[in-house]
Protein backbone atom coordinates (compact mmCIF):
# COMPACT_ATOMS: atom_id res chain seq x y z
CA MET A 1 0.12 0.16 0.04
CA ILE A 2 2.92 2.37 0.75
CA PRO A 3 3.65 2.10 -3.45
CA LEU A 4 0.02 3.60 -3.45
CA LEU A 5 0.27 6.15 -1.37
CA LYS A 6 3.46 7.22 -2.73
CA LEU A 7 1.82 7.48 -6.53
CA LEU A 8 -1.53 9.23 -4.90
CA PRO A 9 0.01 13.07 -5.38
CA PHE A 10 0.66 12.17 -9.30
CA VAL A 11 -2.92 10.72 -9.14
CA VAL A 12 -4.48 13.70 -7.49
CA LEU A 13 -2.21 16.00 -9.56
CA PHE A 14 -3.25 14.48 -12.81
CA ALA A 15 -6.83 14.22 -11.69
CA LEU A 16 -6.50 17.94 -11.33
CA ALA A 17 -4.66 18.61 -14.46
CA VAL A 18 -7.78 16.53 -16.04
CA VAL A 19 -10.16 18.26 -14.33
CA LEU A 20 -8.60 21.79 -14.99
CA GLY A 21 -8.11 21.13 -18.91
CA TYR A 22 -11.61 19.79 -19.29
CA THR A 23 -12.96 22.86 -17.66
CA LEU A 24 -10.82 24.95 -19.89
CA VAL A 25 -11.79 23.05 -23.07
CA ILE A 26 -15.67 23.39 -21.70
CA ASN A 27 -15.36 27.24 -21.06
CA GLY A 28 -13.48 27.33 -24.48
CA TYR A 29 -16.65 25.37 -26.04
CA LYS A 30 -19.20 27.28 -24.11
CA GLY A 31 -17.41 30.70 -25.08
CA GLN A 32 -18.09 29.45 -28.81
CA VAL A 33 -21.87 28.47 -28.03
CA VAL A 34 -22.95 32.04 -26.47
CA GLU A 35 -20.93 33.55 -29.90
CA LEU A 36 -22.81 31.22 -32.40
CA GLN A 37 -26.05 32.32 -30.07
CA GLN A 38 -25.18 36.08 -31.20
CA GLN A 39 -24.71 35.27 -34.49
CA LEU A 40 -27.60 33.17 -34.63
CA ASP A 41 -29.97 35.83 -33.27
CA GLY A 42 -28.55 38.54 -35.52
CA LEU A 43 -28.92 36.21 -38.43
CA ALA A 44 -32.77 35.54 -37.38
CA GLN A 45 -32.96 39.43 -36.99
CA ASP A 46 -31.27 40.34 -40.80
CA ASN A 47 -33.53 37.69 -41.58
CA ALA A 48 -36.81 39.30 -40.52
CA VAL A 49 -36.12 42.25 -42.00
CA LEU A 50 -35.10 40.56 -45.32
CA SER A 51 -38.69 38.50 -45.70
CA ALA A 52 -40.59 41.98 -44.84
CA THR A 53 -38.38 43.75 -47.92
CA SER A 54 -38.93 40.83 -50.12
CA GLU A 55 -42.70 41.45 -49.52
CA ILE A 56 -42.83 44.97 -49.80
CA ASN A 57 -40.63 44.29 -53.19
CA THR A 58 -42.71 41.42 -54.41
CA ARG A 59 -46.13 44.40 -53.83
CA THR A 60 -44.20 47.03 -55.93
CA ILE A 61 -43.29 44.25 -58.40
CA ASN A 62 -46.43 43.56 -59.10
CA ASP A 63 -48.27 47.20 -58.98
CA MET A 64 -45.79 47.82 -61.13
CA ARG A 65 -47.02 45.10 -63.47
CA GLU A 66 -50.50 46.26 -63.23
CA THR A 67 -49.48 49.84 -63.80
CA ASN A 68 -47.65 48.43 -66.98
CA ALA A 69 -50.59 46.44 -68.39
CA ARG A 70 -52.98 49.40 -68.09
CA GLN A 71 -49.89 51.76 -69.73
CA LEU A 72 -50.26 49.11 -72.81
CA THR A 73 -53.16 49.28 -72.81
CA SER A 74 -53.82 52.84 -72.99
CA ILE A 75 -50.81 52.89 -75.23
CA GLY A 76 -52.65 50.57 -77.66
CA SER A 77 -55.54 52.67 -77.35
CA LEU A 78 -53.92 55.88 -78.15
CA THR A 79 -52.25 54.21 -81.00
CA THR A 80 -55.24 53.26 -82.65
CA GLN A 81 -57.06 56.67 -81.81
CA ASN A 82 -53.28 58.21 -83.87
CA SER A 83 -53.97 56.31 -86.69
CA ALA A 84 -57.67 57.47 -87.26
CA ILE A 85 -56.58 61.19 -86.81
CA LEU A 86 -53.03 60.31 -89.34
CA LYS A 87 -55.84 58.85 -91.77
CA GLU A 88 -58.01 62.02 -91.40
CA HIS A 89 -55.12 64.22 -91.65
CA ASP A 90 -53.79 62.31 -94.81
CA GLU A 91 -57.57 63.04 -96.61
CA TYR A 92 -57.91 66.58 -95.57
CA MET A 93 -54.28 67.02 -97.06
CA SER A 94 -55.33 65.09 -99.93
CA ILE A 95 -57.76 67.57 -100.72
CA PHE A 96 -55.06 70.55 -100.47
CA ARG A 97 -52.95 68.73 -102.75
CA GLU A 98 -55.28 68.01 -105.27
CA HIS A 99 -56.39 71.31 -105.56
CA ASP A 100 -54.63 75.06 -106.51
CA LEU A 101 -57.06 76.90 -104.40
CA THR A 102 -54.75 80.20 -104.85
CA ASN A 103 -55.48 79.49 -108.80
CA LEU A 104 -59.43 78.76 -107.79
CA SER A 105 -59.36 81.54 -105.36
CA ARG A 106 -58.53 83.83 -108.23
CA ALA A 107 -60.60 82.74 -110.78
CA LYS A 108 -63.72 82.43 -108.39
CA PRO A 109 -63.31 84.79 -105.15
CA GLY A 110 -66.95 84.46 -104.27
CA LEU A 111 -66.60 80.36 -104.37
CA ILE A 112 -63.34 79.76 -102.20
CA GLU A 113 -63.05 82.97 -99.57
CA PRO A 114 -66.05 82.55 -97.66
CA ARG A 115 -65.92 78.49 -97.86
CA ILE A 116 -62.60 78.93 -95.97
CA ASN A 117 -63.39 81.92 -93.87
CA ASN A 118 -66.26 79.66 -92.55
CA GLY A 119 -63.93 76.63 -92.48
CA THR A 120 -61.66 78.61 -90.35
CA ARG A 121 -64.17 80.16 -88.09
CA ASP A 122 -65.77 76.52 -87.60
CA ILE A 123 -62.11 75.98 -86.25
CA LEU A 124 -61.58 78.25 -84.23
CA LYS A 125 -65.06 77.64 -82.50
CA GLN A 126 -63.92 74.05 -82.23
CA LEU A 127 -60.97 74.91 -80.58
CA THR A 128 -62.28 77.36 -78.02
CA ILE A 129 -65.02 74.73 -76.56
CA ASP A 130 -62.61 72.09 -76.60
CA SER A 131 -59.59 74.53 -74.87
CA GLN A 132 -62.69 75.34 -71.96
CA GLU A 133 -63.69 71.82 -71.26
CA ARG A 134 -59.96 70.48 -70.90
CA THR A 135 -59.50 73.47 -68.55
CA LEU A 136 -62.69 72.35 -66.54
């Protein structure tokens, strides 16, 4: 038993060294666990913010798509109206191209001038009416 008593201080020192080493390792792991938990909390907050931002962006994209569809419809309607107006313009311009109003008005002033004057007066009246409607 005496040799066992001589080994006892070494066994105790070894046990203390093991406990101390274990404690240091465990404390190191606990520190890492705390850091990882803090990172996890921060990432969870970031995820919540990004999710909210993603929802806002999705709504904005949907709104923009709806607006774009309405604009395309309006553009189609305006294009159709523009085509009709251009066709009407071309018809009126063809009348002027086909007839030399200067020579005709010199030859028959009583025929052309009243028509031109009446047409000009009617156009000015219509422009006045259109201008009043848009300002109201």
